[in-house]
Amino acid sequence: MVEQVILVNENDEKVGLMEKIEAHEKALLHRAFSVFVINDNNEIMLQQRAHDKYHSPGLWTNTCCSHQRDGESNIAAGRRRLQEEMGFTTDLKELFNFIYIAPFDNGLTEHELDHVMVGSFNGEPQLNPDEAADYKWMTADDIKKDIAQNPDIYTEWFKIIFDKYYNHIS
């Protein structure tokens, strides 16, 4: 199945559909989402991307992120990908959205209108090895310090999204 993304304008209004890789090659603005899952200790579950991903392999990032399917709500998309990548689901709440651009070394560019969502979970994820190599729990303050000390171990988009998220919760 060819995965498509929803092309949008700056007001998040759908302007078309395009195959995911083509949209990233052309750096076209499309709809996306990022999920932050938090436990009762106020720690965020981070995901280490699988080592064979086509971009940003082995890097740490938020709990999960992806693209909505045509006609799928932001919350439904977040719950779907949380199950597909991390093997669990939880109720999600959308916090905010914003536009960012993050180019990659392989010539692809993320240009996304990103819907940032949060949920809570205290169990053990059942990682899909095609998506995630590992996970860990960290407080927001520890993540902020670690990104400053070790920026190369985090995905480009996570550094942007986490900064917005951190400012939102602070």
Protein backbone atom coordinates (compact mmCIF):
# COMPACT_ATOMS: atom_id res chain seq x y z
CA MET A 1 0.00 0.00 0.00
CA VAL A 2 1.40 3.38 -1.00
CA GLU A 3 1.25 5.70 1.98
CA GLN A 4 -0.15 9.14 1.25
CA VAL A 5 0.04 12.33 3.27
CA ILE A 6 -2.53 15.12 3.42
CA LEU A 7 -1.17 18.30 1.87
CA VAL A 8 -2.43 21.36 3.73
CA ASN A 9 -2.17 25.12 3.68
CA GLU A 10 -1.01 27.16 6.67
CA ASN A 11 -4.57 27.07 8.08
CA ASP A 12 -4.51 23.24 8.12
CA GLU A 13 -7.03 23.08 5.26
CA LYS A 14 -6.59 20.09 2.96
CA VAL A 15 -5.31 21.05 -0.48
CA GLY A 16 -4.56 17.55 -1.80
CA LEU A 17 -2.97 14.15 -1.26
CA MET A 18 0.52 13.00 -2.23
CA GLU A 19 2.65 9.92 -1.83
CA LYS A 20 4.66 10.33 1.40
CA ILE A 21 8.16 10.10 -0.09
CA GLU A 22 7.33 12.54 -2.89
CA ALA A 23 5.98 15.08 -0.38
CA HIS A 24 9.22 14.76 1.62
CA GLU A 25 11.36 15.06 -1.52
CA LYS A 26 9.51 18.23 -2.54
CA ALA A 27 9.34 19.60 1.06
CA LEU A 28 5.60 20.26 0.72
CA LEU A 29 3.57 21.24 3.77
CA HIS A 30 1.53 18.29 5.05
CA ARG A 31 -0.40 17.28 8.15
CA ALA A 32 1.34 15.24 10.85
CA PHE A 33 1.12 14.47 14.54
CA SER A 34 3.43 13.86 17.48
CA VAL A 35 2.43 11.98 20.63
CA PHE A 36 3.95 12.43 24.09
CA VAL A 37 3.01 9.70 26.58
CA ILE A 38 3.55 10.51 30.25
CA ASN A 39 3.51 8.20 33.28
CA ASP A 40 2.43 8.89 36.87
CA ASN A 41 6.02 9.92 37.72
CA ASN A 42 5.68 12.76 35.18
CA GLU A 43 8.21 11.07 32.87
CA ILE A 44 7.91 11.05 29.09
CA MET A 45 8.25 7.81 27.15
CA LEU A 46 10.89 8.25 24.45
CA GLN A 47 11.23 5.91 21.50
CA GLN A 48 14.49 4.93 19.83
CA ARG A 49 13.74 4.58 16.13
CA ALA A 50 14.45 1.19 14.57
CA HIS A 51 17.96 0.92 13.16
CA ASP A 52 16.74 0.17 9.62
CA LYS A 53 14.40 3.18 9.22
CA TYR A 54 14.94 5.09 5.95
CA HIS A 55 15.77 8.29 7.84
CA SER A 56 16.93 9.06 11.37
CA PRO A 57 17.59 5.39 12.25
CA GLY A 58 18.55 4.65 15.85
CA LEU A 59 17.82 8.19 17.06
CA TRP A 60 15.67 9.02 20.09
CA THR A 61 12.37 10.81 19.61
CA ASN A 62 8.95 11.31 21.19
CA THR A 63 6.70 8.34 21.95
CA CYS A 64 5.38 8.17 18.40
CA CYS A 65 4.68 10.35 15.40
CA SER A 66 3.37 9.91 11.90
CA HIS A 67 0.82 11.21 9.41
CA GLN A 68 -2.96 11.20 9.48
CA ARG A 69 -4.75 9.24 6.77
CA ASP A 70 -7.31 10.97 4.59
CA GLY A 71 -10.52 11.34 6.61
CA GLU A 72 -8.87 10.25 9.90
CA SER A 73 -9.05 12.54 12.93
CA ASN A 74 -5.85 13.63 14.69
CA ILE A 75 -6.75 11.66 17.83
CA ALA A 76 -7.66 8.49 15.88
CA ALA A 77 -4.37 8.72 13.95
CA GLY A 78 -2.38 9.15 17.16
CA ARG A 79 -4.06 6.17 18.80
CA ARG A 80 -3.56 4.02 15.66
CA ARG A 81 0.16 4.75 15.42
CA LEU A 82 0.70 4.36 19.16
CA GLN A 83 -0.70 0.82 18.83
CA GLU A 84 1.26 0.09 15.63
CA GLU A 85 4.62 1.36 16.94
CA MET A 86 4.51 0.88 20.70
CA GLY A 87 1.89 -1.86 21.17
CA PHE A 88 -0.55 0.03 23.40
CA THR A 89 -3.14 2.73 23.21
CA THR A 90 -4.44 5.40 25.55
CA ASP A 91 -6.71 8.41 25.50
CA LEU A 92 -5.05 11.40 23.85
CA LYS A 93 -5.64 15.13 24.09
CA GLU A 94 -4.40 17.63 21.52
CA LEU A 95 -2.32 20.40 23.11
CA PHE A 96 -1.36 22.63 20.16
CA ASN A 97 -0.17 22.60 16.56
CA PHE A 98 2.54 24.45 14.67
CA ILE A 99 4.49 24.39 11.40
CA TYR A 100 8.13 23.37 11.18
CA ILE A 101 10.74 22.43 8.58
CA ALA A 102 13.50 19.86 9.23
CA PRO A 103 15.82 18.80 6.39
CA PHE A 104 17.63 15.43 6.50
CA ASP A 105 21.02 14.32 5.21
CA ASN A 106 19.36 11.99 2.67
CA GLY A 107 17.73 14.87 0.76
CA LEU A 108 14.28 14.50 2.31
CA THR A 109 12.64 17.33 4.26
CA GLU A 110 9.90 17.28 6.87
CA HIS A 111 7.66 20.31 6.32
CA GLU A 112 4.78 19.63 8.61
CA LEU A 113 1.81 21.17 10.31
CA ASP A 114 2.24 19.08 13.43
CA HIS A 115 -0.55 18.34 15.91
CA VAL A 116 1.04 17.66 19.31
CA MET A 117 -0.92 15.32 21.59
CA VAL A 118 -0.44 13.95 25.08
CA GLY A 119 -1.67 10.83 26.86
CA SER A 120 -0.87 8.85 29.99
CA PHE A 121 0.32 5.26 30.40
CA ASN A 122 2.15 3.35 33.11
CA GLY A 123 2.69 -0.09 31.61
CA GLU A 124 5.34 -1.72 29.46
CA PRO A 125 5.07 -1.08 25.72
CA GLN A 126 5.20 -3.98 23.26
CA LEU A 127 7.56 -2.48 20.69
CA ASN A 128 7.13 -3.20 16.98
CA PRO A 129 10.76 -3.96 15.99
CA ASP A 130 10.17 -2.51 12.50
CA GLU A 131 9.42 0.85 14.13
CA ALA A 132 11.16 1.06 17.50
CA ALA A 133 14.44 -0.42 18.77
CA ASP A 134 14.02 0.63 22.40
CA TYR A 135 12.25 2.99 24.78
CA LYS A 136 13.01 4.84 28.00
CA TRP A 137 11.29 7.17 30.46
CA MET A 138 12.79 10.61 31.16
CA THR A 139 11.56 13.77 32.84
CA ALA A 140 11.13 16.85 30.67
CA ASP A 141 13.98 18.60 32.50
CA ASP A 142 16.33 15.63 31.95
CA ILE A 143 15.41 15.53 28.25
CA LYS A 144 16.10 19.25 27.93
CA LYS A 145 19.55 18.81 29.52
CA ASP A 146 20.36 15.72 27.45
CA ILE A 147 19.39 17.40 24.17
CA ALA A 148 21.77 20.25 25.06
CA GLN A 149 24.60 17.81 25.86
CA ASN A 150 23.91 15.13 23.19
CA PRO A 151 21.96 16.73 20.33
CA ASP A 152 23.13 14.16 17.77
CA ILE A 153 21.27 11.27 19.43
CA TYR A 154 17.85 12.90 18.89
CA THR A 155 15.79 13.32 15.73
CA GLU A 156 15.76 16.79 14.22
CA TRP A 157 12.00 17.12 14.51
CA PHE A 158 12.00 15.98 18.14
CA LYS A 159 14.39 18.77 19.12
CA ILE A 160 12.01 21.30 17.54
CA ILE A 161 8.82 19.70 18.86
CA PHE A 162 10.22 19.12 22.36
CA ASP A 163 11.21 22.78 22.66
CA LYS A 164 7.61 23.80 21.80
CA TYR A 165 6.21 21.15 24.14
CA TYR A 166 8.54 22.17 26.99
CA ASN A 167 7.53 25.82 26.61
CA HIS A 168 3.87 24.78 26.58
CA ILE A 169 4.10 22.81 29.85
CA SER A 170 6.43 25.26 31.64
